[in-house]
C-alpha atoms as a PDB file:
ATOM      1  CA  MET A   1       6.494 -31.101 -16.144  1.00  0.00           C
ATOM      2  CA  THR A   2       9.815 -29.852 -17.465  1.00  0.00           C
ATOM      3  CA  VAL A   3      12.650 -29.193 -15.028  1.00  0.00           C
ATOM      4  CA  ARG A   4      15.717 -27.002 -15.345  1.00  0.00           C
ATOM      5  CA  ARG A   5      18.235 -27.899 -12.642  1.00  0.00           C
ATOM      6  CA  ASP A   6      20.765 -25.622 -10.919  1.00  0.00           C
ATOM      7  CA  CYS A   7      19.418 -22.316 -12.245  1.00  0.00           C
ATOM      8  CA  LYS A   8      21.392 -19.249 -11.212  1.00  0.00           C
ATOM      9  CA  GLY A   9      20.064 -15.814 -10.357  1.00  0.00           C
ATOM     10  CA  PRO A  10      17.234 -14.382  -8.293  1.00  0.00           C
ATOM     11  CA  ARG A  11      14.217 -16.590  -7.657  1.00  0.00           C
ATOM     12  CA  GLY A  12      11.871 -13.626  -7.731  1.00  0.00           C
ATOM     13  CA  PHE A  13      11.366  -9.893  -7.405  1.00  0.00           C
ATOM     14  CA  ALA A  14      12.166  -9.675  -3.673  1.00  0.00           C
ATOM     15  CA  ALA A  15      15.488 -11.487  -4.020  1.00  0.00           C
ATOM     16  CA  ASN A  16      16.495  -9.262  -6.910  1.00  0.00           C
ATOM     17  CA  MET A  17      15.551  -6.057  -5.043  1.00  0.00           C
ATOM     18  CA  ALA A  18      17.442  -7.136  -1.914  1.00  0.00           C
ATOM     19  CA  ARG A  19      20.585  -7.618  -3.951  1.00  0.00           C
ATOM     20  CA  HIS A  20      20.077  -4.320  -5.802  1.00  0.00           C
ATOM     21  CA  MET A  21      19.540  -2.392  -2.560  1.00  0.00           C
ATOM     22  CA  SER A  22      22.659  -3.821  -0.911  1.00  0.00           C
ATOM     23  CA  ASP A  23      24.700  -2.779  -3.965  1.00  0.00           C
ATOM     24  CA  ALA A  24      23.168   0.731  -3.976  1.00  0.00           C
ATOM     25  CA  ALA A  25      23.835   1.252  -0.268  1.00  0.00           C
ATOM     26  CA  ASN A  26      27.489   0.240  -0.652  1.00  0.00           C
ATOM     27  CA  MET A  27      26.972  -2.554   1.800  1.00  0.00           C
ATOM     28  CA  GLU A  28      29.075  -5.682   1.752  1.00  0.00           C
ATOM     29  CA  PRO A  29      28.812  -7.494  -1.563  1.00  0.00           C
ATOM     30  CA  ALA A  30      25.792  -9.710  -1.836  1.00  0.00           C
ATOM     31  CA  ARG A  31      26.380 -13.424  -1.702  1.00  0.00           C
ATOM     32  CA  GLU A  32      25.966 -15.497  -4.805  1.00  0.00           C
ATOM     33  CA  TYR A  33      22.466 -16.742  -5.427  1.00  0.00           C
ATOM     34  CA  ALA A  34      21.938 -20.350  -4.397  1.00  0.00           C
ATOM     35  CA  PRO A  35      21.189 -22.664  -7.308  1.00  0.00           C
ATOM     36  CA  TYR A  36      17.566 -23.747  -7.603  1.00  0.00           C
ATOM     37  CA  ASP A  37      15.366 -25.934  -9.782  1.00  0.00           C
ATOM     38  CA  PHE A  38      12.752 -24.402 -12.085  1.00  0.00           C
ATOM     39  CA  PHE A  39       9.608 -26.408 -12.862  1.00  0.00           C
ATOM     40  CA  GLN A  40       7.218 -25.572 -15.693  1.00  0.00           C
ATOM     41  CA  CYS A  41       4.306 -27.339 -17.308  1.00  0.00           C
ATOM     42  CA  PRO A  42       5.078 -28.077 -20.973  1.00  0.00           C
ATOM     43  CA  HIS A  43       1.636 -26.692 -21.864  1.00  0.00           C
ATOM     44  CA  ALA A  44       2.108 -23.348 -20.065  1.00  0.00           C
ATOM     45  CA  LYS A  45       2.067 -21.331 -23.296  1.00  0.00           C
ATOM     46  CA  ILE A  46      -1.187 -22.839 -24.608  1.00  0.00           C
ATOM     47  CA  SER A  47      -4.138 -20.466 -24.225  1.00  0.00           C
ATOM     48  CA  ALA A  48      -6.354 -23.127 -22.596  1.00  0.00           C
ATOM     49  CA  HIS A  49      -3.705 -23.645 -19.927  1.00  0.00           C
ATOM     50  CA  GLN A  50      -3.446 -19.893 -19.326  1.00  0.00           C
ATOM     51  CA  GLN A  51      -7.246 -19.552 -19.072  1.00  0.00           C
ATOM     52  CA  ALA A  52      -7.429 -22.409 -16.587  1.00  0.00           C
ATOM     53  CA  ARG A  53      -4.576 -20.921 -14.534  1.00  0.00           C
ATOM     54  CA  ASP A  54      -6.351 -17.541 -14.430  1.00  0.00           C
ATOM     55  CA  LEU A  55      -9.577 -19.212 -13.295  1.00  0.00           C
ATOM     56  CA  LYS A  56      -7.698 -21.067 -10.540  1.00  0.00           C
ATOM     57  CA  LYS A  57      -6.234 -17.740  -9.355  1.00  0.00           C
ATOM     58  CA  LEU A  58      -9.721 -16.226  -9.278  1.00  0.00           C
ATOM     59  CA  ALA A  59     -11.012 -19.252  -7.368  1.00  0.00           C
ATOM     60  CA  LYS A  60      -8.266 -18.867  -4.790  1.00  0.00           C
ATOM     61  CA  ALA A  61      -8.887 -15.137  -4.383  1.00  0.00           C
ATOM     62  CA  THR A  62     -12.671 -15.147  -4.032  1.00  0.00           C
ATOM     63  CA  PRO A  63     -14.281 -15.371  -0.586  1.00  0.00           C
ATOM     64  CA  SER A  64     -17.407 -16.942  -2.124  1.00  0.00           C
ATOM     65  CA  PRO A  65     -17.509 -20.757  -2.072  1.00  0.00           C
ATOM     66  CA  THR A  66     -20.130 -20.696  -4.830  1.00  0.00           C
ATOM     67  CA  LEU A  67     -17.931 -18.654  -7.170  1.00  0.00           C
ATOM     68  CA  ARG A  68     -14.910 -20.751  -6.204  1.00  0.00           C
ATOM     69  CA  ASN A  69     -16.723 -23.919  -7.318  1.00  0.00           C
ATOM     70  CA  ILE A  70     -17.834 -22.280 -10.570  1.00  0.00           C
ATOM     71  CA  TYR A  71     -14.267 -21.134 -11.372  1.00  0.00           C
ATOM     72  CA  VAL A  72     -12.772 -24.542 -10.585  1.00  0.00           C
ATOM     73  CA  GLU A  73     -15.374 -26.393 -12.653  1.00  0.00           C
ATOM     74  CA  ASP A  74     -14.783 -24.005 -15.575  1.00  0.00           C
ATOM     75  CA  ALA A  75     -11.038 -24.613 -15.320  1.00  0.00           C
ATOM     76  CA  LYS A  76     -11.627 -28.380 -15.346  1.00  0.00           C
ATOM     77  CA  SER A  77     -13.869 -28.184 -18.396  1.00  0.00           C
ATOM     78  CA  ILE A  78     -11.333 -26.033 -20.282  1.00  0.00           C
ATOM     79  CA  LEU A  79      -8.541 -28.508 -19.555  1.00  0.00           C
ATOM     80  CA  ARG A  80     -10.710 -31.495 -20.479  1.00  0.00           C
ATOM     81  CA  ALA A  81     -11.649 -29.823 -23.781  1.00  0.00           C
ATOM     82  CA  ALA A  82      -7.961 -29.201 -24.455  1.00  0.00           C
ATOM     83  CA  ASP A  83      -7.296 -32.912 -23.751  1.00  0.00           C
ATOM     84  CA  PHE A  84      -5.370 -32.336 -20.519  1.00  0.00           C
ATOM     85  CA  SER A  85      -5.818 -34.686 -17.592  1.00  0.00           C
ATOM     86  CA  TYR A  86      -6.978 -32.832 -14.511  1.00  0.00           C
ATOM     87  CA  ASN A  87      -7.160 -34.104 -10.943  1.00  0.00           C
ATOM     88  CA  GLY A  88      -8.231 -30.868  -9.212  1.00  0.00           C
ATOM     89  CA  GLU A  89      -4.709 -29.810  -8.287  1.00  0.00           C
ATOM     90  CA  GLY A  90      -3.606 -28.784 -11.747  1.00  0.00           C
ATOM     91  CA  SER A  91      -1.344 -31.770 -12.344  1.00  0.00           C
ATOM     92  CA  LYS A  92      -1.511 -34.723 -14.687  1.00  0.00           C
ATOM     93  CA  GLU A  93      -3.369 -37.793 -13.471  1.00  0.00           C
END
């Protein structure tokens, strides 16, 4: 996992829109964004990692326990084939 410490700026879409709307409405100036840490897997750009991440999203979104198990097992097999360790939570063992 790579870490970038003390990042500046919005953490996401909602934070950015809140600042934009306060500027547009001539409200008091928005406060500075609080610094935050950004974490990213070093393999995030590899297609196997992206496929596994998409399968995990599908598993989380489906109401079917059968499909959820299929998606999770597929994600595990993709990561194993790509030589990633996998403990079921998406992190290195």
